[in-house]
C-alpha atoms as a PDB file:
ATOM      1  CA  MET A   1       0.000   0.000   0.000  1.00  0.00           C
ATOM      2  CA  ASN A   2       1.458   3.315  -1.106  1.00  0.00           C
ATOM      3  CA  ALA A   3       0.930   6.034   1.520  1.00  0.00           C
ATOM      4  CA  GLY A   4       2.195   8.848  -0.709  1.00  0.00           C
ATOM      5  CA  ILE A   5       0.389  11.392  -2.819  1.00  0.00           C
ATOM      6  CA  PRO A   6      -2.188   9.876  -5.220  1.00  0.00           C
ATOM      7  CA  LEU A   7      -1.545   9.917  -8.962  1.00  0.00           C
ATOM      8  CA  GLU A   8      -4.577  12.111  -9.583  1.00  0.00           C
ATOM      9  CA  TYR A   9      -2.991  15.017  -7.691  1.00  0.00           C
ATOM     10  CA  PHE A  10       0.068  14.914  -9.922  1.00  0.00           C
ATOM     11  CA  LEU A  11      -2.101  14.775 -13.024  1.00  0.00           C
ATOM     12  CA  ILE A  12      -4.248  17.699 -11.855  1.00  0.00           C
ATOM     13  CA  LEU A  13      -1.159  19.778 -11.105  1.00  0.00           C
ATOM     14  CA  ALA A  14       0.398  18.949 -14.473  1.00  0.00           C
ATOM     15  CA  THR A  15      -2.851  19.743 -16.292  1.00  0.00           C
ATOM     16  CA  ILE A  16      -3.176  23.115 -14.585  1.00  0.00           C
ATOM     17  CA  MET A  17       0.457  23.941 -15.366  1.00  0.00           C
ATOM     18  CA  PHE A  18       0.022  22.865 -18.981  1.00  0.00           C
ATOM     19  CA  PHE A  19      -3.055  24.993 -19.600  1.00  0.00           C
ATOM     20  CA  VAL A  20      -1.587  28.006 -17.802  1.00  0.00           C
ATOM     21  CA  GLY A  21       1.413  27.645 -20.115  1.00  0.00           C
ATOM     22  CA  ILE A  22      -0.824  27.409 -23.182  1.00  0.00           C
ATOM     23  CA  TYR A  23      -2.793  30.456 -22.032  1.00  0.00           C
ATOM     24  CA  GLY A  24       0.397  32.427 -21.455  1.00  0.00           C
ATOM     25  CA  PHE A  25       1.798  31.393 -24.817  1.00  0.00           C
ATOM     26  CA  LEU A  26      -1.314  32.444 -26.703  1.00  0.00           C
ATOM     27  CA  THR A  27      -2.120  35.693 -24.889  1.00  0.00           C
ATOM     28  CA  ARG A  28       1.196  37.317 -23.968  1.00  0.00           C
ATOM     29  CA  ARG A  29       2.983  39.809 -26.195  1.00  0.00           C
ATOM     30  CA  ASN A  30       6.393  39.774 -24.516  1.00  0.00           C
ATOM     31  CA  LEU A  31       8.911  37.252 -25.852  1.00  0.00           C
ATOM     32  CA  ILE A  32      10.316  36.519 -22.387  1.00  0.00           C
ATOM     33  CA  THR A  33       6.885  35.607 -20.988  1.00  0.00           C
ATOM     34  CA  ILE A  34       6.230  33.439 -24.044  1.00  0.00           C
ATOM     35  CA  LEU A  35       9.503  31.636 -23.353  1.00  0.00           C
ATOM     36  CA  MET A  36       8.511  31.154 -19.698  1.00  0.00           C
ATOM     37  CA  SER A  37       5.170  29.740 -20.838  1.00  0.00           C
ATOM     38  CA  VAL A  38       6.941  27.170 -23.018  1.00  0.00           C
ATOM     39  CA  GLU A  39       9.121  26.209 -20.055  1.00  0.00           C
ATOM     40  CA  LEU A  40       5.990  25.797 -17.927  1.00  0.00           C
ATOM     41  CA  ILE A  41       4.543  23.431 -20.542  1.00  0.00           C
ATOM     42  CA  LEU A  42       7.741  21.378 -20.576  1.00  0.00           C
ATOM     43  CA  ASN A  43       7.778  21.170 -16.776  1.00  0.00           C
ATOM     44  CA  SER A  44       4.203  19.881 -16.775  1.00  0.00           C
ATOM     45  CA  VAL A  45       5.301  17.136 -19.156  1.00  0.00           C
ATOM     46  CA  ASN A  46       8.147  16.276 -16.767  1.00  0.00           C
ATOM     47  CA  ILE A  47       5.687  15.940 -13.891  1.00  0.00           C
ATOM     48  CA  ASN A  48       3.653  13.491 -15.980  1.00  0.00           C
ATOM     49  CA  PHE A  49       6.747  11.446 -16.872  1.00  0.00           C
ATOM     50  CA  LEU A  50       7.821  11.204 -13.247  1.00  0.00           C
ATOM     51  CA  ALA A  51       4.357  10.504 -11.866  1.00  0.00           C
ATOM     52  CA  PHE A  52       3.623   7.723 -14.331  1.00  0.00           C
ATOM     53  CA  ASN A  53       7.057   6.244 -13.793  1.00  0.00           C
ATOM     54  CA  ARG A  54       6.528   6.212 -10.028  1.00  0.00           C
ATOM     55  CA  PHE A  55       3.069   4.670 -10.120  1.00  0.00           C
ATOM     56  CA  LEU A  56       3.310   2.297 -13.082  1.00  0.00           C
ATOM     57  CA  PHE A  57       6.960   1.173 -13.025  1.00  0.00           C
ATOM     58  CA  PRO A  58       8.415   2.075  -9.616  1.00  0.00           C
ATOM     59  CA  HIS A  59      11.581   0.023 -10.042  1.00  0.00           C
ATOM     60  CA  LYS A  60      12.512   1.317 -13.485  1.00  0.00           C
ATOM     61  CA  LEU A  61      14.015   4.657 -14.487  1.00  0.00           C
ATOM     62  CA  GLU A  62      12.559   5.379 -17.927  1.00  0.00           C
ATOM     63  CA  GLY A  63      10.505   8.335 -16.691  1.00  0.00           C
ATOM     64  CA  PHE A  64      13.536   9.855 -15.024  1.00  0.00           C
ATOM     65  CA  PHE A  65      15.643   9.502 -18.155  1.00  0.00           C
ATOM     66  CA  PHE A  66      12.932  11.073 -20.306  1.00  0.00           C
ATOM     67  CA  SER A  67      12.674  13.925 -17.813  1.00  0.00           C
ATOM     68  CA  LEU A  68      16.424  14.498 -17.923  1.00  0.00           C
ATOM     69  CA  PHE A  69      16.266  14.530 -21.703  1.00  0.00           C
ATOM     70  CA  VAL A  70      13.418  17.079 -21.648  1.00  0.00           C
ATOM     71  CA  ILE A  71      15.373  19.247 -19.182  1.00  0.00           C
ATOM     72  CA  ALA A  72      18.435  19.162 -21.443  1.00  0.00           C
ATOM     73  CA  VAL A  73      16.371  20.084 -24.500  1.00  0.00           C
ATOM     74  CA  ALA A  74      14.629  22.861 -22.554  1.00  0.00           C
ATOM     75  CA  ALA A  75      17.953  24.296 -21.394  1.00  0.00           C
ATOM     76  CA  SER A  76      19.344  24.396 -24.915  1.00  0.00           C
ATOM     77  CA  GLU A  77      16.058  25.812 -26.225  1.00  0.00           C
ATOM     78  CA  ALA A  78      16.147  28.552 -23.601  1.00  0.00           C
ATOM     79  CA  ALA A  79      19.740  29.459 -24.447  1.00  0.00           C
ATOM     80  CA  VAL A  80      18.977  29.739 -28.172  1.00  0.00           C
ATOM     81  CA  ALA A  81      15.739  31.633 -27.529  1.00  0.00           C
ATOM     82  CA  ILE A  82      17.435  34.150 -25.251  1.00  0.00           C
ATOM     83  CA  ALA A  83      20.154  34.709 -27.860  1.00  0.00           C
ATOM     84  CA  ILE A  84      17.479  35.351 -30.474  1.00  0.00           C
ATOM     85  CA  ILE A  85      15.611  37.691 -28.120  1.00  0.00           C
ATOM     86  CA  ILE A  86      18.810  39.657 -27.445  1.00  0.00           C
ATOM     87  CA  ASN A  87      19.404  40.052 -31.184  1.00  0.00           C
ATOM     88  CA  ILE A  88      15.795  41.150 -31.712  1.00  0.00           C
ATOM     89  CA  TYR A  89      16.150  43.711 -28.938  1.00  0.00           C
ATOM     90  CA  ARG A  90      19.355  45.074 -30.466  1.00  0.00           C
ATOM     91  CA  ARG A  91      17.675  45.427 -33.847  1.00  0.00           C
ATOM     92  CA  PHE A  92      14.238  46.738 -32.852  1.00  0.00           C
ATOM     93  CA  THR A  93      14.781  47.955 -29.217  1.00  0.00           C
ATOM     94  CA  THR A  94      11.680  46.047 -28.138  1.00  0.00           C
ATOM     95  CA  ILE A  95      10.788  42.465 -27.315  1.00  0.00           C
ATOM     96  CA  ASN A  96       7.069  42.687 -28.010  1.00  0.00           C
ATOM     97  CA  VAL A  97       5.906  40.230 -30.633  1.00  0.00           C
ATOM     98  CA  GLU A  98       3.642  42.704 -32.436  1.00  0.00           C
ATOM     99  CA  ASP A  99       6.408  45.285 -32.870  1.00  0.00           C
ATOM    100  CA  VAL A 100       8.754  42.873 -34.629  1.00  0.00           C
ATOM    101  CA  ASN A 101       7.309  42.515 -38.110  1.00  0.00           C
ATOM    102  CA  GLU A 102      10.347  42.279 -40.367  1.00  0.00           C
ATOM    103  CA  MET A 103      13.397  40.087 -40.317  1.00  0.00           C
ATOM    104  CA  LYS A 104      16.463  41.316 -42.168  1.00  0.00           C
ATOM    105  CA  PHE A 105      20.116  40.540 -41.701  1.00  0.00           C
END
């Protein structure tokens, strides 16, 4: 008998985080907040990986390895996105999505 937190609580938390991330991605105008919304979505996926790994296969580590892979991809995605945002700010002096309407090099 597992006396820990039930699986449903993890799934509810991950669902709330996912939809808050989707809402932030679709409604925000600032590139930094859009990037934070994407990170929130990826973290909700990590919670699902870890919760299902704990409850379905407690003696295996597949969920942990997938979560580490997602964290590595998210870190590299954040680094590239911040570099792009810095270049956009240098070119247009704003990081609002609506103000950036042309891309020249």
